[in-house]
mmCIF file of all heavy atoms, coordinates in Angstrom:
data_MODEL
# 
_entry.id   MODEL 
# 
loop_
_atom_site.group_PDB 
_atom_site.id 
_atom_site.type_symbol 
_atom_site.label_atom_id 
_atom_site.label_alt_id 
_atom_site.label_comp_id 
_atom_site.label_asym_id 
_atom_site.label_entity_id 
_atom_site.label_seq_id 
_atom_site.pdbx_PDB_ins_code 
_atom_site.Cartn_x 
_atom_site.Cartn_y 
_atom_site.Cartn_z 
_atom_site.occupancy 
_atom_site.B_iso_or_equiv 
_atom_site.pdbx_formal_charge 
_atom_site.auth_seq_id 
_atom_site.auth_comp_id 
_atom_site.auth_asym_id 
_atom_site.auth_atom_id 
_atom_site.pdbx_PDB_model_num 
ATOM 1   N N   . TYR A 1 1  ? -73.806 39.389 -77.804 1.00 0.00 ? 1  TYR A N   1 
ATOM 2   C CA  . TYR A 1 1  ? -72.793 38.379 -77.452 1.00 0.00 ? 1  TYR A CA  1 
ATOM 3   C C   . TYR A 1 1  ? -71.985 38.853 -76.301 1.00 0.00 ? 1  TYR A C   1 
ATOM 4   O O   . TYR A 1 1  ? -71.742 40.071 -75.936 1.00 0.00 ? 1  TYR A O   1 
ATOM 5   C CB  . TYR A 1 1  ? -72.000 38.088 -78.710 1.00 0.00 ? 1  TYR A CB  1 
ATOM 6   C CG  . TYR A 1 1  ? -72.640 37.841 -79.820 1.00 0.00 ? 1  TYR A CG  1 
ATOM 7   C CD1 . TYR A 1 1  ? -72.936 38.738 -80.802 1.00 0.00 ? 1  TYR A CD1 1 
ATOM 8   C CD2 . TYR A 1 1  ? -73.055 36.432 -80.097 1.00 0.00 ? 1  TYR A CD2 1 
ATOM 9   C CE1 . TYR A 1 1  ? -73.662 38.420 -82.031 1.00 0.00 ? 1  TYR A CE1 1 
ATOM 10  C CE2 . TYR A 1 1  ? -73.802 36.144 -81.273 1.00 0.00 ? 1  TYR A CE2 1 
ATOM 11  C CZ  . TYR A 1 1  ? -73.988 37.078 -82.191 1.00 0.00 ? 1  TYR A CZ  1 
ATOM 12  O OH  . TYR A 1 1  ? -74.768 36.851 -83.349 1.00 0.00 ? 1  TYR A OH  1 
ATOM 13  N N   . LEU A 1 2  ? -71.489 37.873 -75.628 1.00 0.00 ? 2  LEU A N   1 
ATOM 14  C CA  . LEU A 1 2  ? -70.258 38.146 -74.653 1.00 0.00 ? 2  LEU A CA  1 
ATOM 15  C C   . LEU A 1 2  ? -69.193 37.170 -74.853 1.00 0.00 ? 2  LEU A C   1 
ATOM 16  O O   . LEU A 1 2  ? -69.320 35.858 -74.509 1.00 0.00 ? 2  LEU A O   1 
ATOM 17  C CB  . LEU A 1 2  ? -70.807 38.014 -73.227 1.00 0.00 ? 2  LEU A CB  1 
ATOM 18  C CG  . LEU A 1 2  ? -69.784 38.406 -72.153 1.00 0.00 ? 2  LEU A CG  1 
ATOM 19  C CD1 . LEU A 1 2  ? -69.510 39.908 -72.153 1.00 0.00 ? 2  LEU A CD1 1 
ATOM 20  C CD2 . LEU A 1 2  ? -70.300 38.077 -70.723 1.00 0.00 ? 2  LEU A CD2 1 
ATOM 21  N N   . GLN A 1 3  ? -68.013 37.572 -75.351 1.00 0.00 ? 3  GLN A N   1 
ATOM 22  C CA  . GLN A 1 3  ? -66.919 36.753 -75.601 1.00 0.00 ? 3  GLN A CA  1 
ATOM 23  C C   . GLN A 1 3  ? -66.105 36.791 -74.224 1.00 0.00 ? 3  GLN A C   1 
ATOM 24  O O   . GLN A 1 3  ? -65.663 37.835 -73.885 1.00 0.00 ? 3  GLN A O   1 
ATOM 25  C CB  . GLN A 1 3  ? -66.042 37.199 -76.759 1.00 0.00 ? 3  GLN A CB  1 
ATOM 26  C CG  . GLN A 1 3  ? -64.719 36.412 -76.936 1.00 0.00 ? 3  GLN A CG  1 
ATOM 27  C CD  . GLN A 1 3  ? -65.116 34.986 -77.419 1.00 0.00 ? 3  GLN A CD  1 
ATOM 28  O OE1 . GLN A 1 3  ? -65.915 34.756 -78.206 1.00 0.00 ? 3  GLN A OE1 1 
ATOM 29  N NE2 . GLN A 1 3  ? -64.375 34.032 -76.849 1.00 0.00 ? 3  GLN A NE2 1 
ATOM 30  N N   . MET A 1 4  ? -65.915 35.615 -73.672 1.00 0.00 ? 4  MET A N   1 
ATOM 31  C CA  . MET A 1 4  ? -65.243 35.471 -72.357 1.00 0.00 ? 4  MET A CA  1 
ATOM 32  C C   . MET A 1 4  ? -63.975 34.762 -72.608 1.00 0.00 ? 4  MET A C   1 
ATOM 33  O O   . MET A 1 4  ? -63.983 33.564 -72.941 1.00 0.00 ? 4  MET A O   1 
ATOM 34  C CB  . MET A 1 4  ? -66.181 34.779 -71.483 1.00 0.00 ? 4  MET A CB  1 
ATOM 35  C CG  . MET A 1 4  ? -67.581 35.308 -71.414 1.00 0.00 ? 4  MET A CG  1 
ATOM 36  S SD  . MET A 1 4  ? -68.716 34.149 -70.610 1.00 0.00 ? 4  MET A SD  1 
ATOM 37  C CE  . MET A 1 4  ? -68.131 34.347 -68.903 1.00 0.00 ? 4  MET A CE  1 
ATOM 38  N N   . ASN A 1 5  ? -62.775 35.372 -72.455 1.00 0.00 ? 5  ASN A N   1 
ATOM 39  C CA  . ASN A 1 5  ? -61.462 34.867 -72.565 1.00 0.00 ? 5  ASN A CA  1 
ATOM 40  C C   . ASN A 1 5  ? -60.758 34.884 -71.209 1.00 0.00 ? 5  ASN A C   1 
ATOM 41  O O   . ASN A 1 5  ? -61.257 35.548 -70.262 1.00 0.00 ? 5  ASN A O   1 
ATOM 42  C CB  . ASN A 1 5  ? -60.643 35.583 -73.588 1.00 0.00 ? 5  ASN A CB  1 
ATOM 43  C CG  . ASN A 1 5  ? -61.276 35.632 -74.985 1.00 0.00 ? 5  ASN A CG  1 
ATOM 44  O OD1 . ASN A 1 5  ? -61.996 34.531 -75.328 1.00 0.00 ? 5  ASN A OD1 1 
ATOM 45  N ND2 . ASN A 1 5  ? -61.000 36.565 -75.723 1.00 0.00 ? 5  ASN A ND2 1 
ATOM 46  N N   . SER A 1 6  ? -59.718 34.049 -71.215 1.00 0.00 ? 6  SER A N   1 
ATOM 47  C CA  . SER A 1 6  ? -58.896 33.972 -69.848 1.00 0.00 ? 6  SER A CA  1 
ATOM 48  C C   . SER A 1 6  ? -59.813 33.823 -68.692 1.00 0.00 ? 6  SER A C   1 
ATOM 49  O O   . SER A 1 6  ? -59.651 34.526 -67.685 1.00 0.00 ? 6  SER A O   1 
ATOM 50  C CB  . SER A 1 6  ? -58.030 35.276 -69.730 1.00 0.00 ? 6  SER A CB  1 
ATOM 51  O OG  . SER A 1 6  ? -57.162 35.488 -70.881 1.00 0.00 ? 6  SER A OG  1 
ATOM 52  N N   . LEU A 1 7  ? -60.687 32.912 -68.699 1.00 0.00 ? 7  LEU A N   1 
ATOM 53  C CA  . LEU A 1 7  ? -61.653 32.634 -67.654 1.00 0.00 ? 7  LEU A CA  1 
ATOM 54  C C   . LEU A 1 7  ? -60.973 32.290 -66.340 1.00 0.00 ? 7  LEU A C   1 
ATOM 55  O O   . LEU A 1 7  ? -59.875 31.564 -66.359 1.00 0.00 ? 7  LEU A O   1 
ATOM 56  C CB  . LEU A 1 7  ? -62.683 31.580 -68.016 1.00 0.00 ? 7  LEU A CB  1 
ATOM 57  C CG  . LEU A 1 7  ? -63.719 31.992 -69.111 1.00 0.00 ? 7  LEU A CG  1 
ATOM 58  C CD1 . LEU A 1 7  ? -64.418 30.876 -69.782 1.00 0.00 ? 7  LEU A CD1 1 
ATOM 59  C CD2 . LEU A 1 7  ? -64.755 32.896 -68.335 1.00 0.00 ? 7  LEU A CD2 1 
ATOM 60  N N   . LYS A 1 8  ? -61.598 32.591 -65.317 1.00 0.00 ? 8  LYS A N   1 
ATOM 61  C CA  . LYS A 1 8  ? -61.090 32.312 -63.950 1.00 0.00 ? 8  LYS A CA  1 
ATOM 62  C C   . LYS A 1 8  ? -62.166 31.581 -63.178 1.00 0.00 ? 8  LYS A C   1 
ATOM 63  O O   . LYS A 1 8  ? -63.465 31.898 -63.488 1.00 0.00 ? 8  LYS A O   1 
ATOM 64  C CB  . LYS A 1 8  ? -60.738 33.654 -63.204 1.00 0.00 ? 8  LYS A CB  1 
ATOM 65  C CG  . LYS A 1 8  ? -59.769 34.527 -63.969 1.00 0.00 ? 8  LYS A CG  1 
ATOM 66  C CD  . LYS A 1 8  ? -59.459 35.822 -63.167 1.00 0.00 ? 8  LYS A CD  1 
ATOM 67  C CE  . LYS A 1 8  ? -58.635 36.725 -63.854 1.00 0.00 ? 8  LYS A CE  1 
ATOM 68  N NZ  . LYS A 1 8  ? -58.416 38.083 -63.091 1.00 0.00 ? 8  LYS A NZ  1 
ATOM 69  N N   . PRO A 1 9  ? -61.830 30.819 -62.176 1.00 0.00 ? 9  PRO A N   1 
ATOM 70  C CA  . PRO A 1 9  ? -62.822 30.232 -61.329 1.00 0.00 ? 9  PRO A CA  1 
ATOM 71  C C   . PRO A 1 9  ? -63.865 31.244 -60.744 1.00 0.00 ? 9  PRO A C   1 
ATOM 72  O O   . PRO A 1 9  ? -65.036 30.964 -60.532 1.00 0.00 ? 9  PRO A O   1 
ATOM 73  C CB  . PRO A 1 9  ? -62.056 29.458 -60.238 1.00 0.00 ? 9  PRO A CB  1 
ATOM 74  C CG  . PRO A 1 9  ? -60.818 29.124 -60.948 1.00 0.00 ? 9  PRO A CG  1 
ATOM 75  C CD  . PRO A 1 9  ? -60.502 30.277 -61.793 1.00 0.00 ? 9  PRO A CD  1 
ATOM 76  N N   . ALA A 1 10 ? -63.316 32.461 -60.456 1.00 0.00 ? 10 ALA A N   1 
ATOM 77  C CA  . ALA A 1 10 ? -64.196 33.487 -59.894 1.00 0.00 ? 10 ALA A CA  1 
ATOM 78  C C   . ALA A 1 10 ? -65.274 33.969 -60.865 1.00 0.00 ? 10 ALA A C   1 
ATOM 79  O O   . ALA A 1 10 ? -66.186 34.689 -60.423 1.00 0.00 ? 10 ALA A O   1 
ATOM 80  C CB  . ALA A 1 10 ? -63.359 34.728 -59.528 1.00 0.00 ? 10 ALA A CB  1 
ATOM 81  N N   . ASP A 1 11 ? -65.136 33.598 -62.132 1.00 0.00 ? 11 ASP A N   1 
ATOM 82  C CA  . ASP A 1 11 ? -66.179 33.927 -63.150 1.00 0.00 ? 11 ASP A CA  1 
ATOM 83  C C   . ASP A 1 11 ? -67.454 33.052 -63.033 1.00 0.00 ? 11 ASP A C   1 
ATOM 84  O O   . ASP A 1 11 ? -68.384 33.256 -63.720 1.00 0.00 ? 11 ASP A O   1 
ATOM 85  C CB  . ASP A 1 11 ? -65.570 33.874 -64.536 1.00 0.00 ? 11 ASP A CB  1 
ATOM 86  C CG  . ASP A 1 11 ? -64.539 34.934 -64.698 1.00 0.00 ? 11 ASP A CG  1 
ATOM 87  O OD1 . ASP A 1 11 ? -64.605 36.041 -64.210 1.00 0.00 ? 11 ASP A OD1 1 
ATOM 88  O OD2 . ASP A 1 11 ? -63.569 34.577 -65.443 1.00 0.00 ? 11 ASP A OD2 1 
ATOM 89  N N   . THR A 1 12 ? -67.308 31.948 -62.301 1.00 0.00 ? 12 THR A N   1 
ATOM 90  C CA  . THR A 1 12 ? -68.438 31.012 -62.226 1.00 0.00 ? 12 THR A CA  1 
ATOM 91  C C   . THR A 1 12 ? -69.649 31.657 -61.590 1.00 0.00 ? 12 THR A C   1 
ATOM 92  O O   . THR A 1 12 ? -69.643 32.272 -60.570 1.00 0.00 ? 12 THR A O   1 
ATOM 93  C CB  . THR A 1 12 ? -67.949 29.873 -61.327 1.00 0.00 ? 12 THR A CB  1 
ATOM 94  O OG1 . THR A 1 12 ? -66.996 29.102 -61.864 1.00 0.00 ? 12 THR A OG1 1 
ATOM 95  C CG2 . THR A 1 12 ? -69.185 28.925 -61.008 1.00 0.00 ? 12 THR A CG2 1 
ATOM 96  N N   . ALA A 1 13 ? -70.787 31.530 -62.374 1.00 0.00 ? 13 ALA A N   1 
ATOM 97  C CA  . ALA A 1 13 ? -72.013 32.238 -62.028 1.00 0.00 ? 13 ALA A CA  1 
ATOM 98  C C   . ALA A 1 13 ? -73.065 31.897 -62.994 1.00 0.00 ? 13 ALA A C   1 
ATOM 99  O O   . ALA A 1 13 ? -72.737 31.285 -64.033 1.00 0.00 ? 13 ALA A O   1 
ATOM 100 C CB  . ALA A 1 13 ? -71.828 33.742 -61.920 1.00 0.00 ? 13 ALA A CB  1 
ATOM 101 N N   . VAL A 1 14 ? -74.313 32.300 -62.766 1.00 0.00 ? 14 VAL A N   1 
ATOM 102 C CA  . VAL A 1 14 ? -75.340 32.309 -63.808 1.00 0.00 ? 14 VAL A CA  1 
ATOM 103 C C   . VAL A 1 14 ? -75.260 33.657 -64.471 1.00 0.00 ? 14 VAL A C   1 
ATOM 104 O O   . VAL A 1 14 ? -75.225 34.738 -63.706 1.00 0.00 ? 14 VAL A O   1 
ATOM 105 C CB  . VAL A 1 14 ? -76.693 32.096 -63.131 1.00 0.00 ? 14 VAL A CB  1 
ATOM 106 C CG1 . VAL A 1 14 ? -77.768 32.219 -64.350 1.00 0.00 ? 14 VAL A CG1 1 
ATOM 107 C CG2 . VAL A 1 14 ? -76.760 30.665 -62.568 1.00 0.00 ? 14 VAL A CG2 1 
ATOM 108 N N   . TYR A 1 15 ? -75.134 33.671 -65.702 1.00 0.00 ? 15 TYR A N   1 
ATOM 109 C CA  . TYR A 1 15 ? -75.061 35.050 -66.570 1.00 0.00 ? 15 TYR A CA  1 
ATOM 110 C C   . TYR A 1 15 ? -76.445 35.272 -67.125 1.00 0.00 ? 15 TYR A C   1 
ATOM 111 O O   . TYR A 1 15 ? -77.098 34.418 -67.761 1.00 0.00 ? 15 TYR A O   1 
ATOM 112 C CB  . TYR A 1 15 ? -73.975 34.837 -67.624 1.00 0.00 ? 15 TYR A CB  1 
ATOM 113 C CG  . TYR A 1 15 ? -72.630 34.965 -67.040 1.00 0.00 ? 15 TYR A CG  1 
ATOM 114 C CD1 . TYR A 1 15 ? -72.049 33.890 -66.227 1.00 0.00 ? 15 TYR A CD1 1 
ATOM 115 C CD2 . TYR A 1 15 ? -71.887 36.139 -67.160 1.00 0.00 ? 15 TYR A CD2 1 
ATOM 116 C CE1 . TYR A 1 15 ? -70.885 33.999 -65.715 1.00 0.00 ? 15 TYR A CE1 1 
ATOM 117 C CE2 . TYR A 1 15 ? -70.597 36.153 -66.641 1.00 0.00 ? 15 TYR A CE2 1 
ATOM 118 C CZ  . TYR A 1 15 ? -70.107 35.069 -65.946 1.00 0.00 ? 15 TYR A CZ  1 
ATOM 119 O OH  . TYR A 1 15 ? -68.840 35.281 -65.352 1.00 0.00 ? 15 TYR A OH  1 
ATOM 120 N N   . TYR A 1 16 ? -76.904 36.485 -67.036 1.00 0.00 ? 16 TYR A N   1 
ATOM 121 C CA  . TYR A 1 16 ? -78.181 36.972 -67.535 1.00 0.00 ? 16 TYR A CA  1 
ATOM 122 C C   . TYR A 1 16 ? -77.985 38.005 -68.494 1.00 0.00 ? 16 TYR A C   1 
ATOM 123 O O   . TYR A 1 16 ? -77.152 38.984 -68.187 1.00 0.00 ? 16 TYR A O   1 
ATOM 124 C CB  . TYR A 1 16 ? -79.045 37.581 -66.376 1.00 0.00 ? 16 TYR A CB  1 
ATOM 125 C CG  . TYR A 1 16 ? -79.438 36.557 -65.246 1.00 0.00 ? 16 TYR A CG  1 
ATOM 126 C CD1 . TYR A 1 16 ? -78.581 36.307 -64.152 1.00 0.00 ? 16 TYR A CD1 1 
ATOM 127 C CD2 . TYR A 1 16 ? -80.550 35.754 -65.408 1.00 0.00 ? 16 TYR A CD2 1 
ATOM 128 C CE1 . TYR A 1 16 ? -78.895 35.380 -63.209 1.00 0.00 ? 16 TYR A CE1 1 
ATOM 129 C CE2 . TYR A 1 16 ? -81.003 34.792 -64.385 1.00 0.00 ? 16 TYR A CE2 1 
ATOM 130 C CZ  . TYR A 1 16 ? -80.099 34.629 -63.376 1.00 0.00 ? 16 TYR A CZ  1 
ATOM 131 O OH  . TYR A 1 16 ? -80.465 33.751 -62.332 1.00 0.00 ? 16 TYR A OH  1 
ATOM 132 N N   . CYS A 1 17 ? -78.734 38.064 -69.550 1.00 0.00 ? 17 CYS A N   1 
ATOM 133 C CA  . CYS A 1 17 ? -78.822 39.270 -70.451 1.00 0.00 ? 17 CYS A CA  1 
ATOM 134 C C   . CYS A 1 17 ? -79.985 40.142 -70.074 1.00 0.00 ? 17 CYS A C   1 
ATOM 135 O O   . CYS A 1 17 ? -81.075 39.582 -69.654 1.00 0.00 ? 17 CYS A O   1 
ATOM 136 C CB  . CYS A 1 17 ? -78.738 38.928 -71.895 1.00 0.00 ? 17 CYS A CB  1 
ATOM 137 S SG  . CYS A 1 17 ? -80.210 38.130 -72.509 1.00 0.00 ? 17 CYS A SG  1 
ATOM 138 N N   . ALA A 1 18 ? -79.941 41.358 -70.334 1.00 0.00 ? 18 ALA A N   1 
ATOM 139 C CA  . ALA A 1 18 ? -80.994 42.323 -69.998 1.00 0.00 ? 18 ALA A CA  1 
ATOM 140 C C   . ALA A 1 18 ? -81.136 43.417 -71.046 1.00 0.00 ? 18 ALA A C   1 
ATOM 141 O O   . ALA A 1 18 ? -80.007 43.636 -71.745 1.00 0.00 ? 18 ALA A O   1 
ATOM 142 C CB  . ALA A 1 18 ? -80.761 43.029 -68.638 1.00 0.00 ? 18 ALA A CB  1 
ATOM 143 N N   . ALA A 1 19 ? -82.239 43.961 -71.170 1.00 0.00 ? 19 ALA A N   1 
ATOM 144 C CA  . ALA A 1 19 ? -82.532 44.927 -72.231 1.00 0.00 ? 19 ALA A CA  1 
ATOM 145 C C   . ALA A 1 19 ? -83.405 46.085 -71.652 1.00 0.00 ? 19 ALA A C   1 
ATOM 146 O O   . ALA A 1 19 ? -84.286 45.952 -70.731 1.00 0.00 ? 19 ALA A O   1 
ATOM 147 C CB  . ALA A 1 19 ? -83.273 44.363 -73.360 1.00 0.00 ? 19 ALA A CB  1 
ATOM 148 N N   . LYS A 1 20 ? -83.155 47.307 -72.152 1.00 0.00 ? 20 LYS A N   1 
ATOM 149 C CA  . LYS A 1 20 ? -83.832 48.497 -71.662 1.00 0.00 ? 20 LYS A CA  1 
ATOM 150 C C   . LYS A 1 20 ? -83.975 49.360 -73.029 1.00 0.00 ? 20 LYS A C   1 
ATOM 151 O O   . LYS A 1 20 ? -83.045 49.746 -73.604 1.00 0.00 ? 20 LYS A O   1 
ATOM 152 C CB  . LYS A 1 20 ? -83.076 49.240 -70.598 1.00 0.00 ? 20 LYS A CB  1 
ATOM 153 C CG  . LYS A 1 20 ? -83.606 50.624 -70.329 1.00 0.00 ? 20 LYS A CG  1 
ATOM 154 C CD  . LYS A 1 20 ? -82.667 51.357 -69.446 1.00 0.00 ? 20 LYS A CD  1 
ATOM 155 C CE  . LYS A 1 20 ? -82.928 52.856 -69.394 1.00 0.00 ? 20 LYS A CE  1 
ATOM 156 N NZ  . LYS A 1 20 ? -84.361 53.247 -69.027 1.00 0.00 ? 20 LYS A NZ  1 
ATOM 157 N N   . GLU A 1 21 ? -85.268 49.811 -73.232 1.00 0.00 ? 21 GLU A N   1 
ATOM 158 C CA  . GLU A 1 21 ? -85.535 50.692 -74.323 1.00 0.00 ? 21 GLU A CA  1 
ATOM 159 C C   . GLU A 1 21 ? -84.895 52.089 -73.967 1.00 0.00 ? 21 GLU A C   1 
ATOM 160 O O   . GLU A 1 21 ? -85.052 52.526 -72.864 1.00 0.00 ? 21 GLU A O   1 
ATOM 161 C CB  . GLU A 1 21 ? -87.012 50.886 -74.607 1.00 0.00 ? 21 GLU A CB  1 
ATOM 162 C CG  . GLU A 1 21 ? -87.266 51.622 -75.840 1.00 0.00 ? 21 GLU A CG  1 
ATOM 163 C CD  . GLU A 1 21 ? -88.783 51.534 -76.260 1.00 0.00 ? 21 GLU A CD  1 
ATOM 164 O OE1 . GLU A 1 21 ? -89.602 50.871 -75.474 1.00 0.00 ? 21 GLU A OE1 1 
ATOM 165 O OE2 . GLU A 1 21 ? -89.134 52.021 -77.320 1.00 0.00 ? 21 GLU A OE2 1 
ATOM 166 N N   . SER A 1 22 ? -84.116 52.644 -74.929 1.00 0.00 ? 22 SER A N   1 
ATOM 167 C CA  . SER A 1 22 ? -83.449 53.832 -74.628 1.00 0.00 ? 22 SER A CA  1 
ATOM 168 C C   . SER A 1 22 ? -83.464 54.814 -75.744 1.00 0.00 ? 22 SER A C   1 
ATOM 169 O O   . SER A 1 22 ? -83.442 54.439 -76.979 1.00 0.00 ? 22 SER A O   1 
ATOM 170 C CB  . SER A 1 22 ? -81.928 53.521 -74.425 1.00 0.00 ? 22 SER A CB  1 
ATOM 171 O OG  . SER A 1 22 ? -81.131 54.745 -74.268 1.00 0.00 ? 22 SER A OG  1 
ATOM 172 N N   . PRO A 1 23 ? -83.839 56.123 -75.492 1.00 0.00 ? 23 PRO A N   1 
ATOM 173 C CA  . PRO A 1 23 ? -83.945 57.070 -76.604 1.00 0.00 ? 23 PRO A CA  1 
ATOM 174 C C   . PRO A 1 23 ? -82.524 57.608 -77.063 1.00 0.00 ? 23 PRO A C   1 
ATOM 175 O O   . PRO A 1 23 ? -82.448 58.432 -78.025 1.00 0.00 ? 23 PRO A O   1 
ATOM 176 C CB  . PRO A 1 23 ? -84.693 58.223 -75.926 1.00 0.00 ? 23 PRO A CB  1 
ATOM 177 C CG  . PRO A 1 23 ? -84.310 58.140 -74.463 1.00 0.00 ? 23 PRO A CG  1 
ATOM 178 C CD  . PRO A 1 23 ? -84.176 56.731 -74.223 1.00 0.00 ? 23 PRO A CD  1 
ATOM 179 N N   . TYR A 1 24 ? -81.513 57.084 -76.315 1.00 0.00 ? 24 TYR A N   1 
ATOM 180 C CA  . TYR A 1 24 ? -80.165 57.704 -76.586 1.00 0.00 ? 24 TYR A CA  1 
ATOM 181 C C   . TYR A 1 24 ? -79.291 56.607 -77.179 1.00 0.00 ? 24 TYR A C   1 
ATOM 182 O O   . TYR A 1 24 ? -78.968 55.615 -76.608 1.00 0.00 ? 24 TYR A O   1 
ATOM 183 C CB  . TYR A 1 24 ? -79.517 58.193 -75.298 1.00 0.00 ? 24 TYR A CB  1 
ATOM 184 C CG  . TYR A 1 24 ? -80.379 59.055 -74.571 1.00 0.00 ? 24 TYR A CG  1 
ATOM 185 C CD1 . TYR A 1 24 ? -80.936 58.715 -73.274 1.00 0.00 ? 24 TYR A CD1 1 
ATOM 186 C CD2 . TYR A 1 24 ? -80.716 60.383 -75.057 1.00 0.00 ? 24 TYR A CD2 1 
ATOM 187 C CE1 . TYR A 1 24 ? -81.847 59.553 -72.626 1.00 0.00 ? 24 TYR A CE1 1 
ATOM 188 C CE2 . TYR A 1 24 ? -81.498 61.259 -74.397 1.00 0.00 ? 24 TYR A CE2 1 
ATOM 189 C CZ  . TYR A 1 24 ? -81.972 60.877 -73.132 1.00 0.00 ? 24 TYR A CZ  1 
ATOM 190 O OH  . TYR A 1 24 ? -82.865 61.698 -72.447 1.00 0.00 ? 24 TYR A OH  1 
ATOM 191 N N   . PHE A 1 25 ? -78.866 56.845 -78.480 1.00 0.00 ? 25 PHE A N   1 
ATOM 192 C CA  . PHE A 1 25 ? -78.086 55.859 -79.220 1.00 0.00 ? 25 PHE A CA  1 
ATOM 193 C C   . PHE A 1 25 ? -76.733 55.474 -78.603 1.00 0.00 ? 25 PHE A C   1 
ATOM 194 O O   . PHE A 1 25 ? -76.233 54.345 -78.810 1.00 0.00 ? 25 PHE A O   1 
ATOM 195 C CB  . PHE A 1 25 ? -77.855 56.184 -80.678 1.00 0.00 ? 25 PHE A CB  1 
ATOM 196 C CG  . PHE A 1 25 ? -76.936 57.262 -80.926 1.00 0.00 ? 25 PHE A CG  1 
ATOM 197 C CD1 . PHE A 1 25 ? -75.520 57.051 -81.168 1.00 0.00 ? 25 PHE A CD1 1 
ATOM 198 C CD2 . PHE A 1 25 ? -77.305 58.600 -80.982 1.00 0.00 ? 25 PHE A CD2 1 
ATOM 199 C CE1 . PHE A 1 25 ? -74.665 57.991 -81.287 1.00 0.00 ? 25 PHE A CE1 1 
ATOM 200 C CE2 . PHE A 1 25 ? -76.449 59.660 -81.121 1.00 0.00 ? 25 PHE A CE2 1 
ATOM 201 C CZ  . PHE A 1 25 ? -75.077 59.307 -81.374 1.00 0.00 ? 25 PHE A CZ  1 
ATOM 202 N N   . GLY A 1 26 ? -76.171 56.378 -77.723 1.00 0.00 ? 26 GLY A N   1 
ATOM 203 C CA  . GLY A 1 26 ? -74.888 56.089 -77.194 1.00 0.00 ? 26 GLY A CA  1 
ATOM 204 C C   . GLY A 1 26 ? -74.953 55.704 -75.774 1.00 0.00 ? 26 GLY A C   1 
ATOM 205 O O   . GLY A 1 26 ? -73.920 55.524 -75.188 1.00 0.00 ? 26 GLY A O   1 
ATOM 206 N N   . ALA A 1 27 ? -76.147 55.632 -75.217 1.00 0.00 ? 27 ALA A N   1 
ATOM 207 C CA  . ALA A 1 27 ? -76.243 55.406 -73.674 1.00 0.00 ? 27 ALA A CA  1 
ATOM 208 C C   . ALA A 1 27 ? -76.107 53.894 -73.309 1.00 0.00 ? 27 ALA A C   1 
ATOM 209 O O   . ALA A 1 27 ? -76.535 53.000 -74.101 1.00 0.00 ? 27 ALA A O   1 
ATOM 210 C CB  . ALA A 1 27 ? -77.513 55.965 -73.218 1.00 0.00 ? 27 ALA A CB  1 
ATOM 211 N N   . TYR A 1 28 ? -75.541 53.634 -72.201 1.00 0.00 ? 28 TYR A N   1 
ATOM 212 C CA  . TYR A 1 28 ? -75.574 52.329 -71.551 1.00 0.00 ? 28 TYR A CA  1 
ATOM 213 C C   . TYR A 1 28 ? -75.773 52.468 -70.078 1.00 0.00 ? 28 TYR A C   1 
ATOM 214 O O   . TYR A 1 28 ? -75.793 53.638 -69.538 1.00 0.00 ? 28 TYR A O   1 
ATOM 215 C CB  . TYR A 1 28 ? -74.180 51.584 -71.748 1.00 0.00 ? 28 TYR A CB  1 
ATOM 216 C CG  . TYR A 1 28 ? -72.998 52.320 -71.351 1.00 0.00 ? 28 TYR A CG  1 
ATOM 217 C CD1 . TYR A 1 28 ? -72.647 52.613 -69.960 1.00 0.00 ? 28 TYR A CD1 1 
ATOM 218 C CD2 . TYR A 1 28 ? -72.140 52.751 -72.295 1.00 0.00 ? 28 TYR A CD2 1 
ATOM 219 C CE1 . TYR A 1 28 ? -71.385 53.366 -69.650 1.00 0.00 ? 28 TYR A CE1 1 
ATOM 220 C CE2 . TYR A 1 28 ? -70.958 53.497 -72.062 1.00 0.00 ? 28 TYR A CE2 1 
ATOM 221 C CZ  . TYR A 1 28 ? -70.700 53.790 -70.673 1.00 0.00 ? 28 TYR A CZ  1 
ATOM 222 O OH  . TYR A 1 28 ? -69.620 54.494 -70.371 1.00 0.00 ? 28 TYR A OH  1 
ATOM 223 N N   . TYR A 1 29 ? -76.230 51.390 -69.320 1.00 0.00 ? 29 TYR A N   1 
ATOM 224 C CA  . TYR A 1 29 ? -76.755 51.533 -68.054 1.00 0.00 ? 29 TYR A CA  1 
ATOM 225 C C   . TYR A 1 29 ? -76.145 50.469 -67.236 1.00 0.00 ? 29 TYR A C   1 
ATOM 226 O O   . TYR A 1 29 ? -76.060 49.307 -67.551 1.00 0.00 ? 29 TYR A O   1 
ATOM 227 C CB  . TYR A 1 29 ? -78.289 51.479 -68.068 1.00 0.00 ? 29 TYR A CB  1 
ATOM 228 C CG  . TYR A 1 29 ? -78.934 52.436 -68.915 1.00 0.00 ? 29 TYR A CG  1 
ATOM 229 C CD1 . TYR A 1 29 ? -79.085 52.126 -70.257 1.00 0.00 ? 29 TYR A CD1 1 
ATOM 230 C CD2 . TYR A 1 29 ? -79.374 53.683 -68.445 1.00 0.00 ? 29 TYR A CD2 1 
ATOM 231 C CE1 . TYR A 1 29 ? -79.675 53.090 -71.118 1.00 0.00 ? 29 TYR A CE1 1 
ATOM 232 C CE2 . TYR A 1 29 ? -79.962 54.594 -69.362 1.00 0.00 ? 29 TYR A CE2 1 
ATOM 233 C CZ  . TYR A 1 29 ? -80.061 54.292 -70.685 1.00 0.00 ? 29 TYR A CZ  1 
ATOM 234 O OH  . TYR A 1 29 ? -80.681 55.162 -71.536 1.00 0.00 ? 29 TYR A OH  1 
# 
């Protein structure tokens, strides 16, 4: 999920989700 609050006109865009298999439980990219 992505909870988006206090939205601004500059937030206007196409939003994409993405996934990557990771061996590290705490890692982000």
